[in-house]
Amino acid sequence: MRREVCFIGVVKMSKKNIGSSFDEFLSENAMLDEATAVAVNRIAAWQTEQKMKAQNRNKTAMTSAAAVLDKTLKVALMAV
């Protein structure tokens, strides 16, 4: 196995030793859809949190919007 040392002791392997992509691994193990759904939910939650911070709103002020968002995400997950 050919290795190249770069920076502070980090070992970089040559491309011939690299296997399939992480997406392919998840797909082969029937986990890609679930992982994608979790990622989408986390992104939506993060974006909502950022918008709330930008508008100086807390969760109490956003309760009805959060309920609508939760319901929308549940429906979207059921479709996956």
N, C-alpha and C. Protein backbone atom coordinates (compact mmCIF):
# COMPACT_ATOMS: atom_id res chain seq x y z
N MET A 1 0.84 -1.17 0.00
CA MET A 1 0.00 0.00 0.00
C MET A 1 0.89 1.24 0.00
N ARG A 2 0.67 2.11 -0.96
CA ARG A 2 1.46 3.33 -1.08
C ARG A 2 0.82 4.44 -0.27
N ARG A 3 1.60 5.07 0.59
CA ARG A 3 1.09 6.16 1.41
C ARG A 3 1.97 7.38 1.26
N GLU A 4 1.35 8.51 1.37
CA GLU A 4 2.09 9.75 1.36
C GLU A 4 1.85 10.44 2.68
N VAL A 5 2.90 10.94 3.29
CA VAL A 5 2.76 11.67 4.54
C VAL A 5 2.68 13.15 4.21
N CYS A 6 1.66 13.80 4.72
CA CYS A 6 1.53 15.22 4.50
C CYS A 6 1.17 15.91 5.81
N PHE A 7 1.60 17.10 5.97
CA PHE A 7 1.39 17.92 7.16
C PHE A 7 1.89 17.20 8.40
N ILE A 8 1.23 17.36 9.51
CA ILE A 8 1.74 16.87 10.78
C ILE A 8 1.30 15.42 11.00
N GLY A 9 2.00 14.48 10.41
CA GLY A 9 1.73 13.07 10.64
C GLY A 9 0.46 12.53 10.04
N VAL A 10 -0.26 13.31 9.26
CA VAL A 10 -1.49 12.83 8.63
C VAL A 10 -1.11 12.00 7.43
N VAL A 11 -1.70 10.82 7.32
CA VAL A 11 -1.37 9.92 6.23
C VAL A 11 -2.43 10.06 5.14
N LYS A 12 -1.97 10.30 3.92
CA LYS A 12 -2.86 10.41 2.78
C LYS A 12 -2.67 9.17 1.93
N MET A 13 -3.77 8.42 1.69
CA MET A 13 -3.67 7.20 0.90
C MET A 13 -3.87 7.53 -0.57
N SER A 14 -3.27 6.74 -1.43
CA SER A 14 -3.44 6.96 -2.86
C SER A 14 -4.87 6.60 -3.27
N LYS A 15 -5.30 7.17 -4.39
CA LYS A 15 -6.68 6.97 -4.84
C LYS A 15 -7.03 5.52 -5.13
N LYS A 16 -6.06 4.71 -5.48
CA LYS A 16 -6.37 3.31 -5.81
C LYS A 16 -6.87 2.55 -4.58
N ASN A 17 -6.61 3.06 -3.38
CA ASN A 17 -7.04 2.39 -2.15
C ASN A 17 -8.37 2.90 -1.61
N ILE A 18 -8.92 3.89 -2.26
CA ILE A 18 -10.17 4.46 -1.79
C ILE A 18 -11.33 3.67 -2.40
N GLY A 19 -12.27 3.29 -1.55
CA GLY A 19 -13.42 2.49 -2.01
C GLY A 19 -14.53 3.36 -2.54
N SER A 20 -15.73 2.85 -2.43
CA SER A 20 -16.90 3.57 -2.95
C SER A 20 -17.20 4.79 -2.07
N SER A 21 -18.10 5.61 -2.56
CA SER A 21 -18.46 6.82 -1.81
C SER A 21 -19.34 6.45 -0.62
N PHE A 22 -19.46 7.39 0.30
CA PHE A 22 -20.28 7.18 1.49
C PHE A 22 -21.75 7.00 1.09
N ASP A 23 -22.20 7.76 0.09
CA ASP A 23 -23.58 7.61 -0.40
C ASP A 23 -23.82 6.19 -0.93
N GLU A 24 -22.85 5.64 -1.64
CA GLU A 24 -22.98 4.28 -2.15
C GLU A 24 -23.05 3.28 -1.01
N PHE A 25 -22.23 3.50 0.02
CA PHE A 25 -22.27 2.63 1.20
C PHE A 25 -23.64 2.66 1.86
N LEU A 26 -24.18 3.87 2.05
CA LEU A 26 -25.50 3.99 2.67
C LEU A 26 -26.57 3.33 1.80
N SER A 27 -26.47 3.52 0.50
CA SER A 27 -27.44 2.95 -0.43
C SER A 27 -27.39 1.42 -0.40
N GLU A 28 -26.18 0.86 -0.40
CA GLU A 28 -26.02 -0.60 -0.38
C GLU A 28 -26.58 -1.21 0.91
N ASN A 29 -26.57 -0.43 1.99
CA ASN A 29 -27.07 -0.93 3.28
C ASN A 29 -28.46 -0.41 3.60
N ALA A 30 -29.18 0.08 2.58
CA ALA A 30 -30.56 0.56 2.71
C ALA A 30 -30.71 1.62 3.80
N MET A 31 -29.74 2.52 3.88
CA MET A 31 -29.79 3.58 4.89
C MET A 31 -29.78 4.97 4.26
N LEU A 32 -29.67 5.07 2.95
CA LEU A 32 -29.54 6.37 2.30
C LEU A 32 -30.78 7.24 2.49
N ASP A 33 -31.96 6.69 2.30
CA ASP A 33 -33.20 7.47 2.44
C ASP A 33 -33.36 8.02 3.85
N GLU A 34 -33.10 7.17 4.84
CA GLU A 34 -33.24 7.61 6.22
C GLU A 34 -32.21 8.68 6.56
N ALA A 35 -30.98 8.49 6.13
CA ALA A 35 -29.92 9.47 6.40
C ALA A 35 -30.23 10.81 5.72
N THR A 36 -30.76 10.75 4.51
CA THR A 36 -31.14 11.96 3.79
C THR A 36 -32.26 12.69 4.51
N ALA A 37 -33.26 11.95 4.98
CA ALA A 37 -34.38 12.56 5.70
C ALA A 37 -33.92 13.23 6.99
N VAL A 38 -33.04 12.58 7.72
CA VAL A 38 -32.50 13.15 8.95
C VAL A 38 -31.73 14.43 8.63
N ALA A 39 -30.93 14.39 7.58
CA ALA A 39 -30.14 15.57 7.20
C ALA A 39 -31.04 16.73 6.81
N VAL A 40 -32.09 16.46 6.05
CA VAL A 40 -33.02 17.51 5.63
C VAL A 40 -33.69 18.13 6.86
N ASN A 41 -34.11 17.30 7.81
CA ASN A 41 -34.74 17.81 9.02
C ASN A 41 -33.78 18.67 9.83
N ARG A 42 -32.54 18.24 9.94
CA ARG A 42 -31.56 19.02 10.70
C ARG A 42 -31.28 20.36 10.03
N ILE A 43 -31.22 20.36 8.71
CA ILE A 43 -31.00 21.61 7.98
C ILE A 43 -32.19 22.55 8.18
N ALA A 44 -33.40 22.02 8.07
CA ALA A 44 -34.60 22.84 8.26
C ALA A 44 -34.64 23.43 9.67
N ALA A 45 -34.30 22.62 10.67
CA ALA A 45 -34.29 23.10 12.06
C ALA A 45 -33.24 24.18 12.24
N TRP A 46 -32.06 23.99 11.65
CA TRP A 46 -30.99 24.98 11.77
C TRP A 46 -31.38 26.29 11.09
N GLN A 47 -31.97 26.19 9.89
CA GLN A 47 -32.39 27.39 9.17
C GLN A 47 -33.46 28.14 9.95
N THR A 48 -34.39 27.40 10.54
CA THR A 48 -35.43 28.03 11.34
C THR A 48 -34.82 28.74 12.55
N GLU A 49 -33.88 28.09 13.20
CA GLU A 49 -33.20 28.68 14.35
C GLU A 49 -32.47 29.96 13.94
N GLN A 50 -31.80 29.94 12.79
CA GLN A 50 -31.08 31.13 12.33
C GLN A 50 -32.04 32.28 12.04
N LYS A 51 -33.18 31.98 11.43
CA LYS A 51 -34.18 33.02 11.14
C LYS A 51 -34.76 33.58 12.43
N MET A 52 -35.00 32.71 13.40
CA MET A 52 -35.52 33.18 14.69
C MET A 52 -34.52 34.11 15.35
N LYS A 53 -33.23 33.78 15.31
CA LYS A 53 -32.20 34.64 15.90
C LYS A 53 -32.13 35.98 15.17
N ALA A 54 -32.21 35.94 13.85
CA ALA A 54 -32.13 37.17 13.06
C ALA A 54 -33.31 38.10 13.33
N GLN A 55 -34.47 37.52 13.66
CA GLN A 55 -35.67 38.31 13.93
C GLN A 55 -35.88 38.55 15.42
N ASN A 56 -34.90 38.15 16.24
CA ASN A 56 -34.99 38.29 17.70
C ASN A 56 -36.28 37.68 18.25
N ARG A 57 -36.61 36.49 17.79
CA ARG A 57 -37.80 35.79 18.28
C ARG A 57 -37.38 34.56 19.04
N ASN A 58 -38.19 34.21 20.03
CA ASN A 58 -37.92 32.98 20.76
C ASN A 58 -38.94 31.93 20.36
N LYS A 59 -38.81 30.75 20.90
CA LYS A 59 -39.69 29.65 20.50
C LYS A 59 -41.14 29.91 20.88
N THR A 60 -41.37 30.62 21.99
CA THR A 60 -42.74 30.92 22.41
C THR A 60 -43.44 31.76 21.36
N ALA A 61 -42.71 32.73 20.80
CA ALA A 61 -43.29 33.59 19.77
C ALA A 61 -43.50 32.84 18.47
N MET A 62 -42.79 31.76 18.30
CA MET A 62 -42.88 30.99 17.07
C MET A 62 -43.65 29.68 17.23
N THR A 63 -44.40 29.53 18.31
CA THR A 63 -45.05 28.26 18.61
C THR A 63 -45.95 27.80 17.48
N SER A 64 -46.80 28.68 16.98
CA SER A 64 -47.71 28.25 15.92
C SER A 64 -46.94 27.92 14.65
N ALA A 65 -45.92 28.70 14.33
CA ALA A 65 -45.11 28.41 13.15
C ALA A 65 -44.36 27.10 13.32
N ALA A 66 -43.89 26.83 14.53
CA ALA A 66 -43.17 25.57 14.80
C ALA A 66 -44.11 24.38 14.65
N ALA A 67 -45.35 24.53 15.09
CA ALA A 67 -46.32 23.44 14.96
C ALA A 67 -46.59 23.14 13.48
N VAL A 68 -46.72 24.19 12.69
CA VAL A 68 -46.94 24.00 11.26
C VAL A 68 -45.72 23.35 10.63
N LEU A 69 -44.53 23.79 11.02
CA LEU A 69 -43.30 23.20 10.49
C LEU A 69 -43.19 21.73 10.87
N ASP A 70 -43.47 21.40 12.13
CA ASP A 70 -43.43 20.00 12.56
C ASP A 70 -44.39 19.14 11.76
N LYS A 71 -45.60 19.63 11.57
CA LYS A 71 -46.60 18.87 10.81
C LYS A 71 -46.14 18.68 9.36
N THR A 72 -45.58 19.74 8.76
CA THR A 72 -45.11 19.66 7.38
C THR A 72 -43.97 18.65 7.25
N LEU A 73 -43.04 18.67 8.21
CA LEU A 73 -41.91 17.74 8.17
C LEU A 73 -42.38 16.30 8.34
N LYS A 74 -43.37 16.08 9.22
CA LYS A 74 -43.88 14.72 9.42
C LYS A 74 -44.52 14.19 8.14
N VAL A 75 -45.29 15.06 7.46
CA VAL A 75 -45.90 14.66 6.21
C VAL A 75 -44.84 14.37 5.17
N ALA A 76 -43.79 15.20 5.13
CA ALA A 76 -42.71 15.00 4.16
C ALA A 76 -41.97 13.69 4.44
N LEU A 77 -41.77 13.37 5.71
CA LEU A 77 -41.08 12.13 6.06
C LEU A 77 -41.92 10.91 5.70
N MET A 78 -43.21 11.02 5.82
CA MET A 78 -44.08 9.90 5.46
C MET A 78 -44.02 9.63 3.96
N ALA A 79 -43.75 10.66 3.19
CA ALA A 79 -43.67 10.51 1.73
C ALA A 79 -42.37 9.85 1.30
N VAL A 80 -41.37 9.89 2.17
CA VAL A 80 -40.04 9.33 1.81
C VAL A 80 -40.04 7.86 1.85
